[in-house]
Amino acid sequence: MNTLTYEAFLDEVTTLLTEIYDMEDEAAIKLVMQAQDAEYFVAHDDKPELRTLEQAKKEAVALYTARQNRVETQQKQQRAQHQRGSGKKR
């Protein structure tokens, strides 16, 4: 099993986000940096066995899925807020 350096692993996750999901480079970088700031990758830094190409793909999928879930939740909240606001005007 070939392991990557921590930096190379994060680069690979970022690259996979752009390749798999057709994200812009800036958006992929921002997503990985936000995850890093939230200490999502702490275990990867501590355990080299988690820094593989296969794991990078899993993490890219997980980050993108979590991002999509957040966006959908925000949209639902905005729609609900808008509907509540519309009901009060009557």
PDB file of N, CA and C in Angstrom:
ATOM      1  N   MET A   1       0.851  -1.172   0.000  1.00  0.00           N
ATOM      2  CA  MET A   1       0.000   0.000   0.000  1.00  0.00           C
ATOM      3  C   MET A   1       0.896   1.234   0.000  1.00  0.00           C
ATOM      4  N   ASN A   2       0.764   2.041  -1.029  1.00  0.00           N
ATOM      5  CA  ASN A   2       1.544   3.271  -1.113  1.00  0.00           C
ATOM      6  C   ASN A   2       0.819   4.391  -0.396  1.00  0.00           C
ATOM      7  N   THR A   3       1.520   5.032   0.509  1.00  0.00           N
ATOM      8  CA  THR A   3       0.925   6.157   1.217  1.00  0.00           C
ATOM      9  C   THR A   3       1.494   7.462   0.679  1.00  0.00           C
ATOM     10  N   LEU A   4       0.702   8.501   0.809  1.00  0.00           N
ATOM     11  CA  LEU A   4       1.083   9.828   0.353  1.00  0.00           C
ATOM     12  C   LEU A   4       1.482  10.673   1.548  1.00  0.00           C
ATOM     13  N   THR A   5       2.211  11.730   1.284  1.00  0.00           N
ATOM     14  CA  THR A   5       2.442  12.695   2.356  1.00  0.00           C
ATOM     15  C   THR A   5       1.096  13.355   2.645  1.00  0.00           C
ATOM     16  N   TYR A   6       0.995  13.991   3.775  1.00  0.00           N
ATOM     17  CA  TYR A   6      -0.254  14.668   4.143  1.00  0.00           C
ATOM     18  C   TYR A   6      -0.641  15.703   3.086  1.00  0.00           C
ATOM     19  N   GLU A   7       0.312  16.497   2.649  1.00  0.00           N
ATOM     20  CA  GLU A   7       0.056  17.537   1.656  1.00  0.00           C
ATOM     21  C   GLU A   7      -0.367  16.938   0.321  1.00  0.00           C
ATOM     22  N   ALA A   8       0.305  15.869  -0.091  1.00  0.00           N
ATOM     23  CA  ALA A   8      -0.040  15.208  -1.349  1.00  0.00           C
ATOM     24  C   ALA A   8      -1.438  14.586  -1.262  1.00  0.00           C
ATOM     25  N   PHE A   9      -1.789  14.067  -0.087  1.00  0.00           N
ATOM     26  CA  PHE A   9      -3.110  13.490   0.115  1.00  0.00           C
ATOM     27  C   PHE A   9      -4.185  14.570  -0.062  1.00  0.00           C
ATOM     28  N   LEU A  10      -3.984  15.721   0.572  1.00  0.00           N
ATOM     29  CA  LEU A  10      -4.957  16.815   0.433  1.00  0.00           C
ATOM     30  C   LEU A  10      -5.035  17.292  -1.014  1.00  0.00           C
ATOM     31  N   ASP A  11      -3.911  17.358  -1.683  1.00  0.00           N
ATOM     32  CA  ASP A  11      -3.901  17.726  -3.105  1.00  0.00           C
ATOM     33  C   ASP A  11      -4.698  16.724  -3.928  1.00  0.00           C
ATOM     34  N   GLU A  12      -4.553  15.450  -3.610  1.00  0.00           N
ATOM     35  CA  GLU A  12      -5.272  14.407  -4.342  1.00  0.00           C
ATOM     36  C   GLU A  12      -6.777  14.512  -4.113  1.00  0.00           C
ATOM     37  N   VAL A  13      -7.187  14.755  -2.880  1.00  0.00           N
ATOM     38  CA  VAL A  13      -8.618  14.935  -2.588  1.00  0.00           C
ATOM     39  C   VAL A  13      -9.155  16.112  -3.399  1.00  0.00           C
ATOM     40  N   THR A  14      -8.400  17.205  -3.422  1.00  0.00           N
ATOM     41  CA  THR A  14      -8.808  18.395  -4.169  1.00  0.00           C
ATOM     42  C   THR A  14      -8.921  18.086  -5.658  1.00  0.00           C
ATOM     43  N   THR A  15      -7.938  17.411  -6.202  1.00  0.00           N
ATOM     44  CA  THR A  15      -7.942  17.048  -7.618  1.00  0.00           C
ATOM     45  C   THR A  15      -9.140  16.159  -7.949  1.00  0.00           C
ATOM     46  N   LEU A  16      -9.410  15.197  -7.081  1.00  0.00           N
ATOM     47  CA  LEU A  16     -10.543  14.301  -7.318  1.00  0.00           C
ATOM     48  C   LEU A  16     -11.870  15.049  -7.305  1.00  0.00           C
ATOM     49  N   LEU A  17     -11.996  16.038  -6.447  1.00  0.00           N
ATOM     50  CA  LEU A  17     -13.221  16.840  -6.426  1.00  0.00           C
ATOM     51  C   LEU A  17     -13.431  17.541  -7.762  1.00  0.00           C
ATOM     52  N   THR A  18     -12.352  18.030  -8.343  1.00  0.00           N
ATOM     53  CA  THR A  18     -12.479  18.710  -9.636  1.00  0.00           C
ATOM     54  C   THR A  18     -12.754  17.723 -10.761  1.00  0.00           C
ATOM     55  N   GLU A  19     -12.185  16.536 -10.672  1.00  0.00           N
ATOM     56  CA  GLU A  19     -12.353  15.537 -11.736  1.00  0.00           C
ATOM     57  C   GLU A  19     -13.695  14.817 -11.659  1.00  0.00           C
ATOM     58  N   ILE A  20     -14.066  14.376 -10.480  1.00  0.00           N
ATOM     59  CA  ILE A  20     -15.293  13.583 -10.321  1.00  0.00           C
ATOM     60  C   ILE A  20     -16.536  14.463 -10.412  1.00  0.00           C
ATOM     61  N   TYR A  21     -16.498  15.615  -9.759  1.00  0.00           N
ATOM     62  CA  TYR A  21     -17.683  16.458  -9.646  1.00  0.00           C
ATOM     63  C   TYR A  21     -17.620  17.720 -10.489  1.00  0.00           C
ATOM     64  N   ASP A  22     -16.574  17.853 -11.277  1.00  0.00           N
ATOM     65  CA  ASP A  22     -16.422  18.996 -12.173  1.00  0.00           C
ATOM     66  C   ASP A  22     -16.494  20.322 -11.414  1.00  0.00           C
ATOM     67  N   MET A  23     -15.954  20.321 -10.199  1.00  0.00           N
ATOM     68  CA  MET A  23     -15.900  21.548  -9.415  1.00  0.00           C
ATOM     69  C   MET A  23     -14.779  22.434  -9.945  1.00  0.00           C
ATOM     70  N   GLU A  24     -14.945  23.715  -9.800  1.00  0.00           N
ATOM     71  CA  GLU A  24     -13.871  24.648 -10.116  1.00  0.00           C
ATOM     72  C   GLU A  24     -12.755  24.441  -9.097  1.00  0.00           C
ATOM     73  N   ASP A  25     -11.528  24.705  -9.498  1.00  0.00           N
ATOM     74  CA  ASP A  25     -10.377  24.536  -8.613  1.00  0.00           C
ATOM     75  C   ASP A  25     -10.563  25.292  -7.295  1.00  0.00           C
ATOM     76  N   GLU A  26     -10.989  26.540  -7.409  1.00  0.00           N
ATOM     77  CA  GLU A  26     -11.133  27.378  -6.213  1.00  0.00           C
ATOM     78  C   GLU A  26     -12.153  26.794  -5.235  1.00  0.00           C
ATOM     79  N   ALA A  27     -13.258  26.279  -5.760  1.00  0.00           N
ATOM     80  CA  ALA A  27     -14.300  25.696  -4.910  1.00  0.00           C
ATOM     81  C   ALA A  27     -13.799  24.428  -4.228  1.00  0.00           C
ATOM     82  N   ALA A  28     -13.063  23.602  -4.963  1.00  0.00           N
ATOM     83  CA  ALA A  28     -12.520  22.372  -4.391  1.00  0.00           C
ATOM     84  C   ALA A  28     -11.486  22.686  -3.310  1.00  0.00           C
ATOM     85  N   ILE A  29     -10.638  23.649  -3.592  1.00  0.00           N
ATOM     86  CA  ILE A  29      -9.627  24.052  -2.602  1.00  0.00           C
ATOM     87  C   ILE A  29     -10.312  24.572  -1.347  1.00  0.00           C
ATOM     88  N   LYS A  30     -11.323  25.406  -1.528  1.00  0.00           N
ATOM     89  CA  LYS A  30     -12.050  25.972  -0.390  1.00  0.00           C
ATOM     90  C   LYS A  30     -12.702  24.860   0.445  1.00  0.00           C
ATOM     91  N   LEU A  31     -13.301  23.880  -0.212  1.00  0.00           N
ATOM     92  CA  LEU A  31     -13.954  22.780   0.495  1.00  0.00           C
ATOM     93  C   LEU A  31     -12.945  21.980   1.313  1.00  0.00           C
ATOM     94  N   VAL A  32     -11.797  21.674   0.735  1.00  0.00           N
ATOM     95  CA  VAL A  32     -10.758  20.925   1.453  1.00  0.00           C
ATOM     96  C   VAL A  32     -10.189  21.759   2.600  1.00  0.00           C
ATOM     97  N   MET A  33      -9.994  23.045   2.368  1.00  0.00           N
ATOM     98  CA  MET A  33      -9.467  23.909   3.426  1.00  0.00           C
ATOM     99  C   MET A  33     -10.458  24.038   4.591  1.00  0.00           C
ATOM    100  N   GLN A  34     -11.747  24.115   4.276  1.00  0.00           N
ATOM    101  CA  GLN A  34     -12.758  24.182   5.328  1.00  0.00           C
ATOM    102  C   GLN A  34     -12.761  22.889   6.151  1.00  0.00           C
ATOM    103  N   ALA A  35     -12.635  21.765   5.469  1.00  0.00           N
ATOM    104  CA  ALA A  35     -12.583  20.478   6.170  1.00  0.00           C
ATOM    105  C   ALA A  35     -11.333  20.405   7.043  1.00  0.00           C
ATOM    106  N   GLN A  36     -10.243  20.881   6.511  1.00  0.00           N
ATOM    107  CA  GLN A  36      -8.994  20.886   7.280  1.00  0.00           C
ATOM    108  C   GLN A  36      -9.127  21.803   8.502  1.00  0.00           C
ATOM    109  N   ASP A  37      -9.719  22.966   8.331  1.00  0.00           N
ATOM    110  CA  ASP A  37      -9.933  23.889   9.449  1.00  0.00           C
ATOM    111  C   ASP A  37     -10.836  23.273  10.520  1.00  0.00           C
ATOM    112  N   ALA A  38     -11.774  22.439  10.083  1.00  0.00           N
ATOM    113  CA  ALA A  38     -12.688  21.773  11.012  1.00  0.00           C
ATOM    114  C   ALA A  38     -12.067  20.501  11.594  1.00  0.00           C
ATOM    115  N   GLU A  39     -10.791  20.289  11.294  1.00  0.00           N
ATOM    116  CA  GLU A  39     -10.010  19.152  11.798  1.00  0.00           C
ATOM    117  C   GLU A  39     -10.509  17.797  11.287  1.00  0.00           C
ATOM    118  N   TYR A  40     -11.124  17.813  10.111  1.00  0.00           N
ATOM    119  CA  TYR A  40     -11.606  16.586   9.477  1.00  0.00           C
ATOM    120  C   TYR A  40     -10.463  15.637   9.141  1.00  0.00           C
ATOM    121  N   PHE A  41      -9.304  16.197   8.811  1.00  0.00           N
ATOM    122  CA  PHE A  41      -8.180  15.384   8.348  1.00  0.00           C
ATOM    123  C   PHE A  41      -7.143  15.084   9.431  1.00  0.00           C
ATOM    124  N   VAL A  42      -7.455  15.332  10.688  1.00  0.00           N
ATOM    125  CA  VAL A  42      -6.484  15.104  11.761  1.00  0.00           C
ATOM    126  C   VAL A  42      -6.012  13.653  11.783  1.00  0.00           C
ATOM    127  N   ALA A  43      -6.948  12.724  11.670  1.00  0.00           N
ATOM    128  CA  ALA A  43      -6.571  11.303  11.694  1.00  0.00           C
ATOM    129  C   ALA A  43      -5.652  10.955  10.524  1.00  0.00           C
ATOM    130  N   HIS A  44      -5.874  11.587   9.395  1.00  0.00           N
ATOM    131  CA  HIS A  44      -5.049  11.321   8.213  1.00  0.00           C
ATOM    132  C   HIS A  44      -3.615  11.804   8.429  1.00  0.00           C
ATOM    133  N   ASP A  45      -3.485  12.870   9.176  1.00  0.00           N
ATOM    134  CA  ASP A  45      -2.156  13.402   9.478  1.00  0.00           C
ATOM    135  C   ASP A  45      -1.419  12.450  10.425  1.00  0.00           C
ATOM    136  N   ASP A  46      -2.162  11.895  11.366  1.00  0.00           N
ATOM    137  CA  ASP A  46      -1.569  11.021  12.378  1.00  0.00           C
ATOM    138  C   ASP A  46      -1.330   9.595  11.893  1.00  0.00           C
ATOM    139  N   LYS A  47      -2.133   9.129  10.939  1.00  0.00           N
ATOM    140  CA  LYS A  47      -2.064   7.729  10.495  1.00  0.00           C
ATOM    141  C   LYS A  47      -1.763   7.654   9.003  1.00  0.00           C
ATOM    142  N   PRO A  48      -0.529   7.376   8.649  1.00  0.00           N
ATOM    143  CA  PRO A  48      -0.155   7.315   7.231  1.00  0.00           C
ATOM    144  C   PRO A  48      -0.987   6.317   6.423  1.00  0.00           C
ATOM    145  N   GLU A  49      -1.476   5.264   7.054  1.00  0.00           N
ATOM    146  CA  GLU A  49      -2.256   4.265   6.321  1.00  0.00           C
ATOM    147  C   GLU A  49      -3.582   4.831   5.803  1.00  0.00           C
ATOM    148  N   LEU A  50      -3.988   5.987   6.296  1.00  0.00           N
ATOM    149  CA  LEU A  50      -5.201   6.640   5.800  1.00  0.00           C
ATOM    150  C   LEU A  50      -4.928   7.554   4.618  1.00  0.00           C
ATOM    151  N   ARG A  51      -3.675   7.694   4.239  1.00  0.00           N
ATOM    152  CA  ARG A  51      -3.312   8.600   3.147  1.00  0.00           C
ATOM    153  C   ARG A  51      -2.974   7.825   1.883  1.00  0.00           C
ATOM    154  N   THR A  52      -3.978   7.147   1.344  1.00  0.00           N
ATOM    155  CA  THR A  52      -3.811   6.384   0.106  1.00  0.00           C
ATOM    156  C   THR A  52      -4.689   7.002  -0.983  1.00  0.00           C
ATOM    157  N   LEU A  53      -4.446   6.607  -2.218  1.00  0.00           N
ATOM    158  CA  LEU A  53      -5.275   7.097  -3.321  1.00  0.00           C
ATOM    159  C   LEU A  53      -6.721   6.642  -3.154  1.00  0.00           C
ATOM    160  N   GLU A  54      -6.902   5.408  -2.714  1.00  0.00           N
ATOM    161  CA  GLU A  54      -8.257   4.881  -2.499  1.00  0.00           C
ATOM    162  C   GLU A  54      -8.987   5.684  -1.425  1.00  0.00           C
ATOM    163  N   GLN A  55      -8.292   5.994  -0.350  1.00  0.00           N
ATOM    164  CA  GLN A  55      -8.900   6.775   0.737  1.00  0.00           C
ATOM    165  C   GLN A  55      -9.179   8.205   0.287  1.00  0.00           C
ATOM    166  N   ALA A  56      -8.329   8.756  -0.551  1.00  0.00           N
ATOM    167  CA  ALA A  56      -8.548  10.105  -1.061  1.00  0.00           C
ATOM    168  C   ALA A  56      -9.859  10.172  -1.839  1.00  0.00           C
ATOM    169  N   LYS A  57     -10.143   9.136  -2.611  1.00  0.00           N
ATOM    170  CA  LYS A  57     -11.407   9.106  -3.362  1.00  0.00           C
ATOM    171  C   LYS A  57     -12.588   9.034  -2.402  1.00  0.00           C
ATOM    172  N   LYS A  58     -12.488   8.213  -1.368  1.00  0.00           N
ATOM    173  CA  LYS A  58     -13.563   8.113  -0.372  1.00  0.00           C
ATOM    174  C   LYS A  58     -13.798   9.458   0.306  1.00  0.00           C
ATOM    175  N   GLU A  59     -12.720  10.143   0.629  1.00  0.00           N
ATOM    176  CA  GLU A  59     -12.848  11.430   1.309  1.00  0.00           C
ATOM    177  C   GLU A  59     -13.432  12.496   0.382  1.00  0.00           C
ATOM    178  N   ALA A  60     -13.053  12.465  -0.881  1.00  0.00           N
ATOM    179  CA  ALA A  60     -13.614  13.414  -1.844  1.00  0.00           C
ATOM    180  C   ALA A  60     -15.126  13.217  -1.948  1.00  0.00           C
ATOM    181  N   VAL A  61     -15.560  11.985  -2.032  1.00  0.00           N
ATOM    182  CA  VAL A  61     -16.993  11.682  -2.101  1.00  0.00           C
ATOM    183  C   VAL A  61     -17.691  12.141  -0.825  1.00  0.00           C
ATOM    184  N   ALA A  62     -17.102  11.854   0.320  1.00  0.00           N
ATOM    185  CA  ALA A  62     -17.699  12.228   1.604  1.00  0.00           C
ATOM    186  C   ALA A  62     -17.815  13.748   1.742  1.00  0.00           C
ATOM    187  N   LEU A  63     -16.777  14.467   1.371  1.00  0.00           N
ATOM    188  CA  LEU A  63     -16.806  15.929   1.473  1.00  0.00           C
ATOM    189  C   LEU A  63     -17.859  16.525   0.541  1.00  0.00           C
ATOM    190  N   TYR A  64     -17.917  16.018  -0.679  1.00  0.00           N
ATOM    191  CA  TYR A  64     -18.886  16.543  -1.644  1.00  0.00           C
ATOM    192  C   TYR A  64     -20.313  16.231  -1.194  1.00  0.00           C
ATOM    193  N   THR A  65     -20.536  15.030  -0.711  1.00  0.00           N
ATOM    194  CA  THR A  65     -21.867  14.632  -0.238  1.00  0.00           C
ATOM    195  C   THR A  65     -22.301  15.505   0.935  1.00  0.00           C
ATOM    196  N   ALA A  66     -21.397  15.735   1.873  1.00  0.00           N
ATOM    197  CA  ALA A  66     -21.712  16.588   3.022  1.00  0.00           C
ATOM    198  C   ALA A  66     -22.026  18.002   2.568  1.00  0.00           C
ATOM    199  N   ARG A  67     -21.286  18.488   1.601  1.00  0.00           N
ATOM    200  CA  ARG A  67     -21.525  19.837   1.058  1.00  0.00           C
ATOM    201  C   ARG A  67     -22.905  19.913   0.422  1.00  0.00           C
ATOM    202  N   GLN A  68     -23.254  18.921  -0.375  1.00  0.00           N
ATOM    203  CA  GLN A  68     -24.564  18.897  -1.028  1.00  0.00           C
ATOM    204  C   GLN A  68     -25.684  18.837   0.005  1.00  0.00           C
ATOM    205  N   ASN A  69     -25.490  18.047   1.056  1.00  0.00           N
ATOM    206  CA  ASN A  69     -26.505  17.954   2.108  1.00  0.00           C
ATOM    207  C   ASN A  69     -26.697  19.297   2.804  1.00  0.00           C
ATOM    208  N   ARG A  70     -25.596  20.012   3.054  1.00  0.00           N
ATOM    209  CA  ARG A  70     -25.693  21.339   3.679  1.00  0.00           C
ATOM    210  C   ARG A  70     -26.464  22.301   2.778  1.00  0.00           C
ATOM    211  N   VAL A  71     -26.165  22.276   1.496  1.00  0.00           N
ATOM    212  CA  VAL A  71     -26.830  23.172   0.545  1.00  0.00           C
ATOM    213  C   VAL A  71     -28.326  22.859   0.498  1.00  0.00           C
ATOM    214  N   GLU A  72     -28.671  21.584   0.436  1.00  0.00           N
ATOM    215  CA  GLU A  72     -30.087  21.200   0.391  1.00  0.00           C
ATOM    216  C   GLU A  72     -30.810  21.616   1.669  1.00  0.00           C
ATOM    217  N   THR A  73     -30.172  21.447   2.803  1.00  0.00           N
ATOM    218  CA  THR A  73     -30.773  21.847   4.080  1.00  0.00           C
ATOM    219  C   THR A  73     -31.001  23.348   4.113  1.00  0.00           C
ATOM    220  N   GLN A  74     -30.024  24.119   3.664  1.00  0.00           N
ATOM    221  CA  GLN A  74     -30.165  25.571   3.632  1.00  0.00           C
ATOM    222  C   GLN A  74     -31.303  25.992   2.707  1.00  0.00           C
ATOM    223  N   GLN A  75     -31.422  25.330   1.566  1.00  0.00           N
ATOM    224  CA  GLN A  75     -32.497  25.661   0.631  1.00  0.00           C
ATOM    225  C   GLN A  75     -33.861  25.348   1.236  1.00  0.00           C
ATOM    226  N   LYS A  76     -33.984  24.223   1.923  1.00  0.00           N
ATOM    227  CA  LYS A  76     -35.247  23.857   2.571  1.00  0.00           C
ATOM    228  C   LYS A  76     -35.600  24.871   3.651  1.00  0.00           C
ATOM    229  N   GLN A  77     -34.604  25.295   4.420  1.00  0.00           N
ATOM    230  CA  GLN A  77     -34.850  26.283   5.465  1.00  0.00           C
ATOM    231  C   GLN A  77     -35.292  27.615   4.866  1.00  0.00           C
ATOM    232  N   GLN A  78     -34.688  28.007   3.776  1.00  0.00           N
ATOM    233  CA  GLN A  78     -35.064  29.261   3.129  1.00  0.00           C
ATOM    234  C   GLN A  78     -36.478  29.193   2.569  1.00  0.00           C
ATOM    235  N   ARG A  79     -36.837  28.043   1.958  1.00  0.00           N
ATOM    236  CA  ARG A  79     -38.192  27.881   1.438  1.00  0.00           C
ATOM    237  C   ARG A  79     -39.213  27.924   2.570  1.00  0.00           C
ATOM    238  N   ALA A  80     -38.908  27.234   3.665  1.00  0.00           N
ATOM    239  CA  ALA A  80     -39.824  27.216   4.808  1.00  0.00           C
ATOM    240  C   ALA A  80     -39.977  28.614   5.390  1.00  0.00           C
ATOM    241  N   GLN A  81     -38.882  29.332   5.480  1.00  0.00           N
ATOM    242  CA  GLN A  81     -38.932  30.696   6.010  1.00  0.00           C
ATOM    243  C   GLN A  81     -39.749  31.594   5.088  1.00  0.00           C
ATOM    244  N   HIS A  82     -39.574  31.415   3.795  1.00  0.00           N
ATOM    245  CA  HIS A  82     -40.318  32.205   2.813  1.00  0.00           C
ATOM    246  C   HIS A  82     -41.811  31.889   2.902  1.00  0.00           C
ATOM    247  N   GLN A  83     -42.149  30.612   3.053  1.00  0.00           N
ATOM    248  CA  GLN A  83     -43.559  30.213   3.156  1.00  0.00           C
ATOM    249  C   GLN A  83     -44.186  30.774   4.423  1.00  0.00           C
ATOM    250  N   ARG A  84     -43.440  30.760   5.520  1.00  0.00           N
ATOM    251  CA  ARG A  84     -43.953  31.326   6.770  1.00  0.00           C
ATOM    252  C   ARG A  84     -44.181  32.825   6.604  1.00  0.00           C
ATOM    253  N   GLY A  85     -43.254  33.471   5.937  1.00  0.00           N
ATOM    254  CA  GLY A  85     -43.373  34.907   5.700  1.00  0.00           C
ATOM    255  C   GLY A  85     -44.556  35.239   4.808  1.00  0.00           C
ATOM    256  N   SER A  86     -44.814  34.407   3.812  1.00  0.00           N
ATOM    257  CA  SER A  86     -45.939  34.618   2.903  1.00  0.00           C
ATOM    258  C   SER A  86     -47.261  34.460   3.625  1.00  0.00           C
ATOM    259  N   GLY A  87     -47.313  33.525   4.559  1.00  0.00           N
ATOM    260  CA  GLY A  87     -48.545  33.271   5.301  1.00  0.00           C
ATOM    261  C   GLY A  87     -48.914  34.407   6.222  1.00  0.00           C
ATOM    262  N   LYS A  88     -47.957  35.129   6.726  1.00  0.00           N
ATOM    263  CA  LYS A  88     -48.205  36.231   7.651  1.00  0.00           C
ATOM    264  C   LYS A  88     -48.773  37.452   6.947  1.00  0.00           C
ATOM    265  N   LYS A  89     -48.498  37.588   5.664  1.00  0.00           N
ATOM    266  CA  LYS A  89     -48.926  38.778   4.927  1.00  0.00           C
ATOM    267  C   LYS A  89     -50.414  38.746   4.606  1.00  0.00           C
ATOM    268  N   ARG A  90     -51.040  37.628   4.693  1.00  0.00           N
ATOM    269  CA  ARG A  90     -52.452  37.513   4.339  1.00  0.00           C
ATOM    270  C   ARG A  90     -53.348  38.098   5.324  1.00  0.00           C
TER     271      ARG A  90
END
